[in-house]
Amino acid sequence: MNKDDIYYLISVKKTFEFSFNGKNYNLTYGTEPDGKEYISFGERYMGTKFYSFGELMNKAKVENYFFKDLLESL
């Protein structure tokens, strides 16, 4: 898995799930009441909203690691 793979999943709005240290994480999508779309990423059912691919790559964390740094191991 790499950044291009994640970018593709986001562009087609495909859910992505993985486990890390016994915890389940997922990447899902939603729409705010005002119509603004977001990417939800984090532990299952507790995701943080990100409003762009760049924001996701620069801010998303899995425990103490940046998500982007873990991609190659997923």
C-alpha atoms as a PDB file:
ATOM      1  CA  MET A   1       0.000   0.000   0.000  1.00  0.00           C
ATOM      2  CA  ASN A   2       1.286   3.471  -0.821  1.00  0.00           C
ATOM      3  CA  LYS A   3       0.003   7.057  -1.081  1.00  0.00           C
ATOM      4  CA  ASP A   4      -1.217   6.500  -4.661  1.00  0.00           C
ATOM      5  CA  ASP A   5      -3.291   3.525  -3.506  1.00  0.00           C
ATOM      6  CA  ILE A   6      -4.895   5.600  -0.743  1.00  0.00           C
ATOM      7  CA  TYR A   7      -5.505   8.476  -3.159  1.00  0.00           C
ATOM      8  CA  TYR A   8      -7.305   6.067  -5.504  1.00  0.00           C
ATOM      9  CA  LEU A   9      -9.437   4.639  -2.680  1.00  0.00           C
ATOM     10  CA  ILE A  10     -10.439   8.162  -1.675  1.00  0.00           C
ATOM     11  CA  SER A  11     -11.240   9.214  -5.245  1.00  0.00           C
ATOM     12  CA  VAL A  12     -13.638   6.251  -5.683  1.00  0.00           C
ATOM     13  CA  LYS A  13     -14.796   6.462  -2.028  1.00  0.00           C
ATOM     14  CA  LYS A  14     -13.917   2.879  -1.206  1.00  0.00           C
ATOM     15  CA  THR A  15     -13.754   1.930   2.465  1.00  0.00           C
ATOM     16  CA  PHE A  16     -10.401   0.678   3.731  1.00  0.00           C
ATOM     17  CA  GLU A  17      -9.891  -1.227   6.982  1.00  0.00           C
ATOM     18  CA  PHE A  18      -6.790  -2.555   8.710  1.00  0.00           C
ATOM     19  CA  SER A  19      -5.577  -3.684  12.125  1.00  0.00           C
ATOM     20  CA  PHE A  20      -2.613  -2.257  14.001  1.00  0.00           C
ATOM     21  CA  ASN A  21      -1.480  -3.502  17.423  1.00  0.00           C
ATOM     22  CA  GLY A  22      -4.798  -5.266  17.942  1.00  0.00           C
ATOM     23  CA  LYS A  23      -6.970  -2.225  17.134  1.00  0.00           C
ATOM     24  CA  ASN A  24      -9.156  -1.866  14.033  1.00  0.00           C
ATOM     25  CA  TYR A  25      -8.887   1.290  11.944  1.00  0.00           C
ATOM     26  CA  ASN A  26     -10.912   2.381   8.947  1.00  0.00           C
ATOM     27  CA  LEU A  27     -11.142   5.005   6.245  1.00  0.00           C
ATOM     28  CA  THR A  28     -14.714   6.013   5.377  1.00  0.00           C
ATOM     29  CA  TYR A  29     -16.510   9.026   3.913  1.00  0.00           C
ATOM     30  CA  GLY A  30     -19.359  11.345   4.739  1.00  0.00           C
ATOM     31  CA  THR A  31     -21.053  14.632   4.018  1.00  0.00           C
ATOM     32  CA  GLU A  32     -21.637  17.511   6.420  1.00  0.00           C
ATOM     33  CA  PRO A  33     -25.160  18.988   6.649  1.00  0.00           C
ATOM     34  CA  ASP A  34     -23.933  21.924   4.530  1.00  0.00           C
ATOM     35  CA  GLY A  35     -22.876  19.518   1.746  1.00  0.00           C
ATOM     36  CA  LYS A  36     -19.113  19.558   2.399  1.00  0.00           C
ATOM     37  CA  GLU A  37     -17.616  16.081   1.930  1.00  0.00           C
ATOM     38  CA  TYR A  38     -15.071  14.645   4.348  1.00  0.00           C
ATOM     39  CA  ILE A  39     -12.835  11.626   4.891  1.00  0.00           C
ATOM     40  CA  SER A  40     -13.194   9.916   8.253  1.00  0.00           C
ATOM     41  CA  PHE A  41     -10.117   8.097   9.524  1.00  0.00           C
ATOM     42  CA  GLY A  42      -9.293   6.449  12.836  1.00  0.00           C
ATOM     43  CA  GLU A  43     -10.315   3.642  15.108  1.00  0.00           C
ATOM     44  CA  ARG A  44     -13.551   2.046  13.986  1.00  0.00           C
ATOM     45  CA  TYR A  45     -16.566   4.267  14.819  1.00  0.00           C
ATOM     46  CA  MET A  46     -14.316   6.988  16.279  1.00  0.00           C
ATOM     47  CA  GLY A  47     -12.809   8.568  13.172  1.00  0.00           C
ATOM     48  CA  THR A  48     -11.525  12.086  12.803  1.00  0.00           C
ATOM     49  CA  LYS A  49     -12.772  14.167   9.878  1.00  0.00           C
ATOM     50  CA  PHE A  50     -10.325  15.342   7.234  1.00  0.00           C
ATOM     51  CA  TYR A  51     -11.401  17.549   4.339  1.00  0.00           C
ATOM     52  CA  SER A  52      -8.694  16.697   1.796  1.00  0.00           C
ATOM     53  CA  PHE A  53      -6.176  14.014   0.881  1.00  0.00           C
ATOM     54  CA  GLY A  54      -3.333  16.361   1.866  1.00  0.00           C
ATOM     55  CA  GLU A  55      -4.812  17.029   5.289  1.00  0.00           C
ATOM     56  CA  LEU A  56      -5.245  13.285   5.838  1.00  0.00           C
ATOM     57  CA  MET A  57      -1.637  12.555   4.858  1.00  0.00           C
ATOM     58  CA  ASN A  58      -0.213  15.376   6.989  1.00  0.00           C
ATOM     59  CA  LYS A  59      -2.291  14.961  10.156  1.00  0.00           C
ATOM     60  CA  ALA A  60      -3.745  11.441  10.460  1.00  0.00           C
ATOM     61  CA  LYS A  61      -2.142   9.318  13.149  1.00  0.00           C
ATOM     62  CA  VAL A  62      -2.262   5.681  14.179  1.00  0.00           C
ATOM     63  CA  GLU A  63      -1.239   5.641  17.814  1.00  0.00           C
ATOM     64  CA  ASN A  64       2.034   7.653  17.827  1.00  0.00           C
ATOM     65  CA  TYR A  65       2.789   7.177  14.123  1.00  0.00           C
ATOM     66  CA  PHE A  66       1.695   9.197  11.137  1.00  0.00           C
ATOM     67  CA  PHE A  67      -0.589   7.126   8.892  1.00  0.00           C
ATOM     68  CA  LYS A  68       1.520   8.021   5.845  1.00  0.00           C
ATOM     69  CA  ASP A  69       4.582   6.452   7.490  1.00  0.00           C
ATOM     70  CA  LEU A  70       2.772   3.148   8.065  1.00  0.00           C
ATOM     71  CA  LEU A  71       1.380   2.725   4.547  1.00  0.00           C
ATOM     72  CA  GLU A  72       4.206   0.528   3.244  1.00  0.00           C
ATOM     73  CA  SER A  73       3.618  -1.985   6.049  1.00  0.00           C
ATOM     74  CA  LEU A  74      -0.139  -2.317   5.423  1.00  0.00           C
END
